[in-house]
Amino acid sequence: MRRRKKTNPKIAGLIKDLKRLARENNAPVWRAVAERLEKPRRNYAEVNLSKINRYSAANETVLVPGKVLSAGALEKPVTVAALGFSERAVEKVEKIGGQVGGKCVSVEELAESNPKGSGVKILV
């Protein structure tokens, strides 16, 4: 079976950058994310806010190698990094119970700010 290349240059560049970060900083978390992004897009994670709420603690950093969807409620402030977010998911993450809550960032921004990958939890 022939190995197919990613046709989206943004994703291909992100995979390349994550592998470089993993090598340079000895951070296996970035290699794991890059390997997940190399798989076909139909295998990307689609995580609801209820799952993020269930498996994360307050003020934690959660990374989703795919898209975050808005089903469920988020009850604690967390930083969520993902390839994409639904509009409602962004609203719910940033406002928790009418208060200022967590924040949504892209995978690139998280990798830039945390090259060692410490304290990052991957949810699939």
C-alpha atoms as a PDB file:
ATOM      1  CA  MET A   1       0.000   0.000   0.000  1.00  0.00           C
ATOM      2  CA  ARG A   2       1.341   3.377  -0.977  1.00  0.00           C
ATOM      3  CA  ARG A   3       1.900   5.978   1.734  1.00  0.00           C
ATOM      4  CA  ARG A   4      -0.015   9.170   0.998  1.00  0.00           C
ATOM      5  CA  LYS A   5       1.266  12.650   1.768  1.00  0.00           C
ATOM      6  CA  LYS A   6      -0.801  15.261   3.529  1.00  0.00           C
ATOM      7  CA  THR A   7      -2.181  17.693   0.965  1.00  0.00           C
ATOM      8  CA  ASN A   8      -2.859  20.482   3.464  1.00  0.00           C
ATOM      9  CA  PRO A   9       0.446  22.395   3.740  1.00  0.00           C
ATOM     10  CA  LYS A  10      -0.507  23.771   7.169  1.00  0.00           C
ATOM     11  CA  ILE A  11      -0.876  20.263   8.636  1.00  0.00           C
ATOM     12  CA  ALA A  12       2.274  19.002   6.879  1.00  0.00           C
ATOM     13  CA  GLY A  13       4.273  21.932   8.263  1.00  0.00           C
ATOM     14  CA  LEU A  14       2.830  21.415  11.740  1.00  0.00           C
ATOM     15  CA  ILE A  15       3.822  17.729  11.716  1.00  0.00           C
ATOM     16  CA  LYS A  16       7.339  18.661  10.630  1.00  0.00           C
ATOM     17  CA  ASP A  17       7.647  21.324  13.357  1.00  0.00           C
ATOM     18  CA  LEU A  18       6.320  18.997  16.067  1.00  0.00           C
ATOM     19  CA  LYS A  19       8.808  16.274  15.152  1.00  0.00           C
ATOM     20  CA  ARG A  20      11.625  18.834  15.222  1.00  0.00           C
ATOM     21  CA  LEU A  21      10.517  20.057  18.662  1.00  0.00           C
ATOM     22  CA  ALA A  22      10.363  16.477  19.931  1.00  0.00           C
ATOM     23  CA  ARG A  23      13.943  15.824  18.780  1.00  0.00           C
ATOM     24  CA  GLU A  24      15.458  19.101  19.977  1.00  0.00           C
ATOM     25  CA  ASN A  25      13.774  19.205  23.388  1.00  0.00           C
ATOM     26  CA  ASN A  26      13.524  15.473  24.088  1.00  0.00           C
ATOM     27  CA  ALA A  27       9.735  15.880  24.398  1.00  0.00           C
ATOM     28  CA  PRO A  28       7.856  12.693  23.448  1.00  0.00           C
ATOM     29  CA  VAL A  29       4.474  14.438  23.766  1.00  0.00           C
ATOM     30  CA  TRP A  30       5.077  16.316  20.490  1.00  0.00           C
ATOM     31  CA  ARG A  31       6.102  13.121  18.669  1.00  0.00           C
ATOM     32  CA  ALA A  32       2.879  11.431  19.840  1.00  0.00           C
ATOM     33  CA  VAL A  33       0.783  14.336  18.547  1.00  0.00           C
ATOM     34  CA  ALA A  34       2.669  14.365  15.223  1.00  0.00           C
ATOM     35  CA  GLU A  35       2.073  10.640  14.763  1.00  0.00           C
ATOM     36  CA  ARG A  36      -1.652  11.108  15.381  1.00  0.00           C
ATOM     37  CA  LEU A  37      -1.788  13.940  12.839  1.00  0.00           C
ATOM     38  CA  GLU A  38      -0.030  11.789  10.226  1.00  0.00           C
ATOM     39  CA  LYS A  39      -2.973   9.401  10.214  1.00  0.00           C
ATOM     40  CA  PRO A  40      -5.957   9.969   7.894  1.00  0.00           C
ATOM     41  CA  ARG A  41      -8.191  12.882   8.789  1.00  0.00           C
ATOM     42  CA  ARG A  42     -11.166  10.606   9.422  1.00  0.00           C
ATOM     43  CA  ASN A  43      -9.179   9.206  12.366  1.00  0.00           C
ATOM     44  CA  TYR A  44      -8.629  12.614  14.013  1.00  0.00           C
ATOM     45  CA  ALA A  45     -10.086  13.015  17.481  1.00  0.00           C
ATOM     46  CA  GLU A  46     -13.446  14.723  17.995  1.00  0.00           C
ATOM     47  CA  VAL A  47     -13.709  15.513  21.692  1.00  0.00           C
ATOM     48  CA  ASN A  48     -16.698  17.040  23.447  1.00  0.00           C
ATOM     49  CA  LEU A  49     -16.397  19.472  26.352  1.00  0.00           C
ATOM     50  CA  SER A  50     -17.962  16.901  28.682  1.00  0.00           C
ATOM     51  CA  LYS A  51     -14.954  14.611  28.141  1.00  0.00           C
ATOM     52  CA  ILE A  52     -12.519  17.468  28.757  1.00  0.00           C
ATOM     53  CA  ASN A  53     -14.399  18.285  31.966  1.00  0.00           C
ATOM     54  CA  ARG A  54     -14.300  14.648  33.089  1.00  0.00           C
ATOM     55  CA  TYR A  55     -10.588  13.999  32.479  1.00  0.00           C
ATOM     56  CA  SER A  56      -8.964  17.326  33.385  1.00  0.00           C
ATOM     57  CA  ALA A  57      -8.313  19.287  36.542  1.00  0.00           C
ATOM     58  CA  ALA A  58      -8.642  23.028  37.045  1.00  0.00           C
ATOM     59  CA  ASN A  59      -5.964  25.168  35.347  1.00  0.00           C
ATOM     60  CA  GLU A  60      -4.633  22.211  33.361  1.00  0.00           C
ATOM     61  CA  THR A  61      -3.512  22.190  29.725  1.00  0.00           C
ATOM     62  CA  VAL A  62      -5.359  19.750  27.460  1.00  0.00           C
ATOM     63  CA  LEU A  63      -4.362  19.012  23.860  1.00  0.00           C
ATOM     64  CA  VAL A  64      -6.779  17.512  21.335  1.00  0.00           C
ATOM     65  CA  PRO A  65      -5.238  16.300  18.051  1.00  0.00           C
ATOM     66  CA  GLY A  66      -8.430  17.078  16.184  1.00  0.00           C
ATOM     67  CA  LYS A  67     -11.540  19.151  16.839  1.00  0.00           C
ATOM     68  CA  VAL A  68     -13.250  20.237  20.060  1.00  0.00           C
ATOM     69  CA  LEU A  69     -17.055  20.113  19.991  1.00  0.00           C
ATOM     70  CA  SER A  70     -19.493  21.836  22.333  1.00  0.00           C
ATOM     71  CA  ALA A  71     -21.610  18.982  23.726  1.00  0.00           C
ATOM     72  CA  GLY A  72     -21.663  19.030  27.496  1.00  0.00           C
ATOM     73  CA  ALA A  73     -20.546  21.614  29.998  1.00  0.00           C
ATOM     74  CA  LEU A  74     -17.162  22.736  31.230  1.00  0.00           C
ATOM     75  CA  GLU A  75     -17.093  23.549  34.940  1.00  0.00           C
ATOM     76  CA  LYS A  76     -13.451  24.495  35.517  1.00  0.00           C
ATOM     77  CA  PRO A  77     -10.995  26.812  33.781  1.00  0.00           C
ATOM     78  CA  VAL A  78      -8.653  24.889  31.467  1.00  0.00           C
ATOM     79  CA  THR A  79      -6.431  25.758  28.536  1.00  0.00           C
ATOM     80  CA  VAL A  80      -7.514  23.763  25.505  1.00  0.00           C
ATOM     81  CA  ALA A  81      -5.280  23.377  22.440  1.00  0.00           C
ATOM     82  CA  ALA A  82      -6.636  21.771  19.271  1.00  0.00           C
ATOM     83  CA  LEU A  83      -6.541  21.866  15.492  1.00  0.00           C
ATOM     84  CA  GLY A  84     -10.064  23.269  15.422  1.00  0.00           C
ATOM     85  CA  PHE A  85     -12.944  24.365  17.611  1.00  0.00           C
ATOM     86  CA  SER A  86     -16.646  24.711  17.009  1.00  0.00           C
ATOM     87  CA  GLU A  87     -17.943  28.241  17.635  1.00  0.00           C
ATOM     88  CA  ARG A  88     -20.037  27.152  20.619  1.00  0.00           C
ATOM     89  CA  ALA A  89     -17.091  25.264  22.137  1.00  0.00           C
ATOM     90  CA  VAL A  90     -14.971  28.435  22.106  1.00  0.00           C
ATOM     91  CA  GLU A  91     -17.785  30.373  23.805  1.00  0.00           C
ATOM     92  CA  LYS A  92     -18.227  27.714  26.491  1.00  0.00           C
ATOM     93  CA  VAL A  93     -14.500  27.364  27.225  1.00  0.00           C
ATOM     94  CA  GLU A  94     -13.986  31.121  27.549  1.00  0.00           C
ATOM     95  CA  LYS A  95     -17.094  31.642  29.729  1.00  0.00           C
ATOM     96  CA  ILE A  96     -17.634  29.168  32.530  1.00  0.00           C
ATOM     97  CA  GLY A  97     -20.730  29.869  34.584  1.00  0.00           C
ATOM     98  CA  GLY A  98     -20.849  33.483  33.399  1.00  0.00           C
ATOM     99  CA  GLN A  99     -17.268  34.094  34.553  1.00  0.00           C
ATOM    100  CA  VAL A 100     -14.055  34.349  32.619  1.00  0.00           C
ATOM    101  CA  GLY A 101     -12.856  30.790  32.225  1.00  0.00           C
ATOM    102  CA  GLY A 102     -10.151  29.032  30.263  1.00  0.00           C
ATOM    103  CA  LYS A 103      -8.728  29.788  26.866  1.00  0.00           C
ATOM    104  CA  CYS A 104      -8.553  28.171  23.460  1.00  0.00           C
ATOM    105  CA  VAL A 105      -5.230  28.073  21.620  1.00  0.00           C
ATOM    106  CA  SER A 106      -3.951  26.362  18.504  1.00  0.00           C
ATOM    107  CA  VAL A 107      -1.488  23.482  18.641  1.00  0.00           C
ATOM    108  CA  GLU A 108       1.178  25.752  17.098  1.00  0.00           C
ATOM    109  CA  GLU A 109       0.763  28.356  19.853  1.00  0.00           C
ATOM    110  CA  LEU A 110       0.991  25.719  22.575  1.00  0.00           C
ATOM    111  CA  ALA A 111       4.116  24.198  21.032  1.00  0.00           C
ATOM    112  CA  GLU A 112       5.734  27.657  20.838  1.00  0.00           C
ATOM    113  CA  SER A 113       4.949  28.542  24.442  1.00  0.00           C
ATOM    114  CA  ASN A 114       5.779  25.090  25.872  1.00  0.00           C
ATOM    115  CA  PRO A 115       8.519  23.444  23.753  1.00  0.00           C
ATOM    116  CA  LYS A 116       9.263  20.831  26.447  1.00  0.00           C
ATOM    117  CA  GLY A 117       5.618  19.753  26.486  1.00  0.00           C
ATOM    118  CA  SER A 118       5.497  19.617  30.272  1.00  0.00           C
ATOM    119  CA  GLY A 119       2.087  19.489  31.894  1.00  0.00           C
ATOM    120  CA  VAL A 120       0.229  18.750  28.647  1.00  0.00           C
ATOM    121  CA  LYS A 121      -2.465  16.071  28.660  1.00  0.00           C
ATOM    122  CA  ILE A 122      -3.507  14.530  25.316  1.00  0.00           C
ATOM    123  CA  LEU A 123      -7.188  13.613  24.970  1.00  0.00           C
ATOM    124  CA  VAL A 124      -8.471  11.495  22.082  1.00  0.00           C
END
